Amino acid sequence: MKNQWKIYTKTGDKGETSLIGGKRVPKFHLRIEAYGTLDELNAFIGLVRDQDIDTKIKDVLLKIQNVIFTAESQLALDPEAKTVKKLPEIKAADILLLETEIDTMNDELPVLTKFLLPGGHPVVSYCHIARTVCRRAERIVIKLSREEKVDDTILRFLNRLSDYLFILSRKLTKDLGIDELHWITKG
């Protein structure tokens, strides 16, 4: 069966792309940077999900990936577009899921008394990479929100997601039976 849809359009060959709604913008536009960084985050979360970890965590990560894609679609929308069909939205329940998962995992963990260094096991490191990409995405979306309309639930979701990824790194460290790596100051 022949695929009717081509992945390349050639419309971006001169450094521009279209937002949902048709408006053309440079590929370095802050809105493109925002949803591109979320796409990068989504790929790293997929990498975490592909590891040999608890099935329940994998299920939560898959839900998170779908919400990130929703955020990407919201950010890809031209805020001035008038005739675009309604896109999915991030719900309060999506943020509540993260908060509930954070609290559940955190209840199993020892009290944190020192700063942690990323590492100790590949899956733990992947969580930290995802966390730092999430923080970068959050900074970009905050900057964009100062210039254009952005749904504030995206910011709340990203803020909780970075916390979730940090706590997930700690839980996986515990589950794997490895020691947390503490920052050792000299002085």
C-alpha atoms as a PDB file:
ATOM      1  CA  MET A   1       0.000   0.000   0.000  1.00  0.00           C
ATOM      2  CA  LYS A   2       1.388   3.367  -0.995  1.00  0.00           C
ATOM      3  CA  ASN A   3       1.627   6.042   1.690  1.00  0.00           C
ATOM      4  CA  GLN A   4      -0.250   9.156   0.509  1.00  0.00           C
ATOM      5  CA  TRP A   5       1.351  11.537   3.007  1.00  0.00           C
ATOM      6  CA  LYS A   6       4.907  12.781   2.535  1.00  0.00           C
ATOM      7  CA  ILE A   7       7.017  13.719   5.517  1.00  0.00           C
ATOM      8  CA  TYR A   8       8.744  16.510   3.632  1.00  0.00           C
ATOM      9  CA  THR A   9       6.869  19.550   2.381  1.00  0.00           C
ATOM     10  CA  LYS A  10       9.777  21.734   1.225  1.00  0.00           C
ATOM     11  CA  THR A  11       7.906  24.732   2.699  1.00  0.00           C
ATOM     12  CA  GLY A  12      10.494  25.102   5.459  1.00  0.00           C
ATOM     13  CA  ASP A  13      13.544  25.167   3.221  1.00  0.00           C
ATOM     14  CA  LYS A  14      13.979  28.907   3.720  1.00  0.00           C
ATOM     15  CA  GLY A  15      13.847  28.776   7.520  1.00  0.00           C
ATOM     16  CA  GLU A  16      10.144  29.318   8.128  1.00  0.00           C
ATOM     17  CA  THR A  17       7.336  27.084   9.338  1.00  0.00           C
ATOM     18  CA  SER A  18       3.603  27.404   9.882  1.00  0.00           C
ATOM     19  CA  LEU A  19       1.739  27.652  13.133  1.00  0.00           C
ATOM     20  CA  ILE A  20      -1.652  25.996  13.445  1.00  0.00           C
ATOM     21  CA  GLY A  21      -3.852  28.564  11.760  1.00  0.00           C
ATOM     22  CA  GLY A  22      -1.461  29.095   8.854  1.00  0.00           C
ATOM     23  CA  LYS A  23       0.696  31.997  10.037  1.00  0.00           C
ATOM     24  CA  ARG A  24       4.307  31.636   8.843  1.00  0.00           C
ATOM     25  CA  VAL A  25       7.055  32.332  11.373  1.00  0.00           C
ATOM     26  CA  PRO A  26      10.833  31.837  11.444  1.00  0.00           C
ATOM     27  CA  LYS A  27      11.924  28.462  12.786  1.00  0.00           C
ATOM     28  CA  PHE A  28      13.718  30.273  15.612  1.00  0.00           C
ATOM     29  CA  HIS A  29      10.464  31.935  16.760  1.00  0.00           C
ATOM     30  CA  LEU A  30       9.979  31.587  20.519  1.00  0.00           C
ATOM     31  CA  ARG A  31       6.742  29.640  20.003  1.00  0.00           C
ATOM     32  CA  ILE A  32       8.610  27.104  17.839  1.00  0.00           C
ATOM     33  CA  GLU A  33      11.413  26.944  20.410  1.00  0.00           C
ATOM     34  CA  ALA A  34       8.824  26.260  23.131  1.00  0.00           C
ATOM     35  CA  TYR A  35       7.042  23.377  21.463  1.00  0.00           C
ATOM     36  CA  GLY A  36      10.297  22.033  20.030  1.00  0.00           C
ATOM     37  CA  THR A  37      11.749  21.841  23.520  1.00  0.00           C
ATOM     38  CA  LEU A  38       8.618  20.032  24.700  1.00  0.00           C
ATOM     39  CA  ASP A  39       9.108  17.595  21.827  1.00  0.00           C
ATOM     40  CA  GLU A  40      12.669  16.991  23.065  1.00  0.00           C
ATOM     41  CA  LEU A  41      11.318  16.469  26.592  1.00  0.00           C
ATOM     42  CA  ASN A  42       8.748  14.002  25.289  1.00  0.00           C
ATOM     43  CA  ALA A  43      11.497  11.995  23.574  1.00  0.00           C
ATOM     44  CA  PHE A  44      13.514  11.783  26.803  1.00  0.00           C
ATOM     45  CA  ILE A  45      10.440  10.701  28.761  1.00  0.00           C
ATOM     46  CA  GLY A  46       9.945   8.010  26.125  1.00  0.00           C
ATOM     47  CA  LEU A  47      13.516   6.909  26.804  1.00  0.00           C
ATOM     48  CA  VAL A  48      12.778   6.655  30.539  1.00  0.00           C
ATOM     49  CA  ARG A  49       9.587   4.702  29.777  1.00  0.00           C
ATOM     50  CA  ASP A  50      11.524   2.273  27.562  1.00  0.00           C
ATOM     51  CA  GLN A  51      13.690   1.165  30.487  1.00  0.00           C
ATOM     52  CA  ASP A  52      13.108  -1.857  32.701  1.00  0.00           C
ATOM     53  CA  ILE A  53      10.993  -0.065  35.315  1.00  0.00           C
ATOM     54  CA  ASP A  54       7.693  -0.678  37.096  1.00  0.00           C
ATOM     55  CA  THR A  55       4.677  -1.005  34.773  1.00  0.00           C
ATOM     56  CA  LYS A  56       2.657   1.522  36.800  1.00  0.00           C
ATOM     57  CA  ILE A  57       5.394   4.133  36.281  1.00  0.00           C
ATOM     58  CA  LYS A  58       5.409   3.338  32.564  1.00  0.00           C
ATOM     59  CA  ASP A  59       1.633   3.894  32.451  1.00  0.00           C
ATOM     60  CA  VAL A  60       1.962   7.269  34.207  1.00  0.00           C
ATOM     61  CA  LEU A  61       4.786   8.276  31.861  1.00  0.00           C
ATOM     62  CA  LEU A  62       2.632   7.428  28.845  1.00  0.00           C
ATOM     63  CA  LYS A  63      -0.151   9.653  30.229  1.00  0.00           C
ATOM     64  CA  ILE A  64       2.423  12.406  30.751  1.00  0.00           C
ATOM     65  CA  GLN A  65       3.652  12.046  27.168  1.00  0.00           C
ATOM     66  CA  ASN A  66       0.107  12.526  25.885  1.00  0.00           C
ATOM     67  CA  VAL A  67      -0.305  15.681  27.990  1.00  0.00           C
ATOM     68  CA  ILE A  68       3.005  17.022  26.705  1.00  0.00           C
ATOM     69  CA  PHE A  69       1.771  16.483  23.150  1.00  0.00           C
ATOM     70  CA  THR A  70      -1.373  18.426  24.089  1.00  0.00           C
ATOM     71  CA  ALA A  71       0.823  21.266  25.361  1.00  0.00           C
ATOM     72  CA  GLU A  72       2.824  21.139  22.128  1.00  0.00           C
ATOM     73  CA  SER A  73      -0.350  21.510  20.073  1.00  0.00           C
ATOM     74  CA  GLN A  74      -1.476  24.450  22.211  1.00  0.00           C
ATOM     75  CA  LEU A  75       1.885  26.158  21.746  1.00  0.00           C
ATOM     76  CA  ALA A  76       1.848  25.475  17.988  1.00  0.00           C
ATOM     77  CA  LEU A  77      -1.442  27.372  17.664  1.00  0.00           C
ATOM     78  CA  ASP A  78      -1.315  30.932  16.357  1.00  0.00           C
ATOM     79  CA  PRO A  79      -2.898  32.874  19.247  1.00  0.00           C
ATOM     80  CA  GLU A  80      -4.534  35.198  16.700  1.00  0.00           C
ATOM     81  CA  ALA A  81      -6.072  32.411  14.590  1.00  0.00           C
ATOM     82  CA  LYS A  82      -9.849  32.718  14.421  1.00  0.00           C
ATOM     83  CA  THR A  83     -11.046  29.714  12.434  1.00  0.00           C
ATOM     84  CA  VAL A  84      -9.185  26.785  13.955  1.00  0.00           C
ATOM     85  CA  LYS A  85     -10.963  23.778  15.438  1.00  0.00           C
ATOM     86  CA  LYS A  86     -10.733  23.456  19.215  1.00  0.00           C
ATOM     87  CA  LEU A  87      -7.568  21.697  20.341  1.00  0.00           C
ATOM     88  CA  PRO A  88      -7.299  19.418  23.375  1.00  0.00           C
ATOM     89  CA  GLU A  89      -6.425  21.168  26.628  1.00  0.00           C
ATOM     90  CA  ILE A  90      -4.468  20.315  29.741  1.00  0.00           C
ATOM     91  CA  LYS A  91      -6.925  19.616  32.535  1.00  0.00           C
ATOM     92  CA  ALA A  92      -6.659  20.168  36.285  1.00  0.00           C
ATOM     93  CA  ALA A  93      -6.739  16.350  36.575  1.00  0.00           C
ATOM     94  CA  ASP A  94      -3.465  16.157  34.610  1.00  0.00           C
ATOM     95  CA  ILE A  95      -1.750  18.359  37.184  1.00  0.00           C
ATOM     96  CA  LEU A  96      -3.422  16.494  40.046  1.00  0.00           C
ATOM     97  CA  LEU A  97      -2.058  13.201  38.662  1.00  0.00           C
ATOM     98  CA  LEU A  98       1.478  14.572  38.932  1.00  0.00           C
ATOM     99  CA  GLU A  99       0.894  15.895  42.457  1.00  0.00           C
ATOM    100  CA  THR A 100      -0.596  12.581  43.586  1.00  0.00           C
ATOM    101  CA  GLU A 101       2.273  10.593  42.087  1.00  0.00           C
ATOM    102  CA  ILE A 102       4.844  12.948  43.634  1.00  0.00           C
ATOM    103  CA  ASP A 103       3.258  12.600  47.082  1.00  0.00           C
ATOM    104  CA  THR A 104       2.958   8.800  46.812  1.00  0.00           C
ATOM    105  CA  MET A 105       6.578   8.336  45.746  1.00  0.00           C
ATOM    106  CA  ASN A 106       7.906  10.921  48.194  1.00  0.00           C
ATOM    107  CA  ASP A 107       6.231   9.142  51.125  1.00  0.00           C
ATOM    108  CA  GLU A 108       8.482   6.114  50.433  1.00  0.00           C
ATOM    109  CA  LEU A 109      11.718   8.109  50.289  1.00  0.00           C
ATOM    110  CA  PRO A 110      14.122   9.222  52.999  1.00  0.00           C
ATOM    111  CA  VAL A 111      14.127  12.907  53.852  1.00  0.00           C
ATOM    112  CA  LEU A 112      16.446  14.792  51.540  1.00  0.00           C
ATOM    113  CA  THR A 113      19.108  16.662  53.529  1.00  0.00           C
ATOM    114  CA  LYS A 114      21.702  17.315  50.791  1.00  0.00           C
ATOM    115  CA  PHE A 115      21.765  18.315  47.161  1.00  0.00           C
ATOM    116  CA  LEU A 116      21.897  15.349  44.786  1.00  0.00           C
ATOM    117  CA  LEU A 117      24.127  14.809  41.798  1.00  0.00           C
ATOM    118  CA  PRO A 118      22.513  13.200  38.760  1.00  0.00           C
ATOM    119  CA  GLY A 119      23.665   9.667  38.070  1.00  0.00           C
ATOM    120  CA  GLY A 120      24.150   6.282  39.637  1.00  0.00           C
ATOM    121  CA  HIS A 121      22.252   4.346  36.966  1.00  0.00           C
ATOM    122  CA  PRO A 122      21.265   5.130  33.344  1.00  0.00           C
ATOM    123  CA  VAL A 123      17.515   5.342  34.066  1.00  0.00           C
ATOM    124  CA  VAL A 124      18.172   7.744  36.950  1.00  0.00           C
ATOM    125  CA  SER A 125      20.337   9.871  34.664  1.00  0.00           C
ATOM    126  CA  TYR A 126      17.620   9.847  31.983  1.00  0.00           C
ATOM    127  CA  CYS A 127      15.160  11.169  34.571  1.00  0.00           C
ATOM    128  CA  HIS A 128      17.543  14.008  35.395  1.00  0.00           C
ATOM    129  CA  ILE A 129      18.065  14.820  31.722  1.00  0.00           C
ATOM    130  CA  ALA A 130      14.286  14.928  31.246  1.00  0.00           C
ATOM    131  CA  ARG A 131      13.973  17.107  34.368  1.00  0.00           C
ATOM    132  CA  THR A 132      16.499  19.642  33.090  1.00  0.00           C
ATOM    133  CA  VAL A 133      14.900  19.740  29.630  1.00  0.00           C
ATOM    134  CA  CYS A 134      11.552  20.268  31.374  1.00  0.00           C
ATOM    135  CA  ARG A 135      12.987  23.213  33.319  1.00  0.00           C
ATOM    136  CA  ARG A 136      14.349  24.700  30.087  1.00  0.00           C
ATOM    137  CA  ALA A 137      10.946  24.263  28.434  1.00  0.00           C
ATOM    138  CA  GLU A 138       9.326  25.971  31.405  1.00  0.00           C
ATOM    139  CA  ARG A 139      11.706  28.950  31.100  1.00  0.00           C
ATOM    140  CA  ILE A 140      10.990  29.265  27.377  1.00  0.00           C
ATOM    141  CA  VAL A 141       7.223  29.061  27.893  1.00  0.00           C
ATOM    142  CA  ILE A 142       7.435  31.701  30.645  1.00  0.00           C
ATOM    143  CA  LYS A 143       9.324  33.984  28.277  1.00  0.00           C
ATOM    144  CA  LEU A 144       6.772  33.341  25.529  1.00  0.00           C
ATOM    145  CA  SER A 145       3.920  34.085  27.950  1.00  0.00           C
ATOM    146  CA  ARG A 146       5.407  37.557  28.509  1.00  0.00           C
ATOM    147  CA  GLU A 147       5.063  38.250  24.773  1.00  0.00           C
ATOM    148  CA  GLU A 148       2.032  36.263  23.615  1.00  0.00           C
ATOM    149  CA  LYS A 149      -1.004  34.502  25.022  1.00  0.00           C
ATOM    150  CA  VAL A 150      -0.153  31.136  26.622  1.00  0.00           C
ATOM    151  CA  ASP A 151      -2.507  28.936  28.626  1.00  0.00           C
ATOM    152  CA  ASP A 152      -1.199  29.100  32.206  1.00  0.00           C
ATOM    153  CA  THR A 153      -2.047  25.433  32.805  1.00  0.00           C
ATOM    154  CA  ILE A 154       0.924  24.607  30.569  1.00  0.00           C
ATOM    155  CA  LEU A 155       3.206  26.402  33.022  1.00  0.00           C
ATOM    156  CA  ARG A 156       1.651  24.706  36.050  1.00  0.00           C
ATOM    157  CA  PHE A 157       1.973  21.316  34.369  1.00  0.00           C
ATOM    158  CA  LEU A 158       5.643  21.869  33.477  1.00  0.00           C
ATOM    159  CA  ASN A 159       6.448  23.074  36.974  1.00  0.00           C
ATOM    160  CA  ARG A 160       4.919  19.943  38.540  1.00  0.00           C
ATOM    161  CA  LEU A 161       6.433  17.701  35.873  1.00  0.00           C
ATOM    162  CA  SER A 162       9.983  18.754  36.708  1.00  0.00           C
ATOM    163  CA  ASP A 163       9.251  17.987  40.372  1.00  0.00           C
ATOM    164  CA  TYR A 164       7.755  14.627  39.365  1.00  0.00           C
ATOM    165  CA  LEU A 165      10.858  13.741  37.352  1.00  0.00           C
ATOM    166  CA  PHE A 166      13.125  14.630  40.281  1.00  0.00           C
ATOM    167  CA  ILE A 167      11.134  12.486  42.701  1.00  0.00           C
ATOM    168  CA  LEU A 168      10.945   9.703  40.102  1.00  0.00           C
ATOM    169  CA  SER A 169      14.745   9.731  39.873  1.00  0.00           C
ATOM    170  CA  ARG A 170      14.922   9.278  43.644  1.00  0.00           C
ATOM    171  CA  LYS A 171      12.317   6.504  43.650  1.00  0.00           C
ATOM    172  CA  LEU A 172      14.108   4.619  40.888  1.00  0.00           C
ATOM    173  CA  THR A 173      17.384   5.015  42.777  1.00  0.00           C
ATOM    174  CA  LYS A 174      15.709   3.417  45.798  1.00  0.00           C
ATOM    175  CA  ASP A 175      14.010   0.696  43.704  1.00  0.00           C
ATOM    176  CA  LEU A 176      17.348  -0.202  42.109  1.00  0.00           C
ATOM    177  CA  GLY A 177      19.059  -0.384  45.502  1.00  0.00           C
ATOM    178  CA  ILE A 178      21.730   2.160  44.644  1.00  0.00           C
ATOM    179  CA  ASP A 179      23.014   5.019  46.735  1.00  0.00           C
ATOM    180  CA  GLU A 180      22.036   8.594  46.000  1.00  0.00           C
ATOM    181  CA  LEU A 181      25.003  10.716  44.973  1.00  0.00           C
ATOM    182  CA  HIS A 182      25.330  13.750  47.220  1.00  0.00           C
ATOM    183  CA  TRP A 183      27.041  16.999  46.358  1.00  0.00           C
ATOM    184  CA  ILE A 184      30.199  17.196  48.422  1.00  0.00           C
ATOM    185  CA  THR A 185      31.414  20.719  49.006  1.00  0.00           C
ATOM    186  CA  LYS A 186      35.033  21.521  49.599  1.00  0.00           C
ATOM    187  CA  GLY A 187      35.886  24.128  52.100  1.00  0.00           C
END
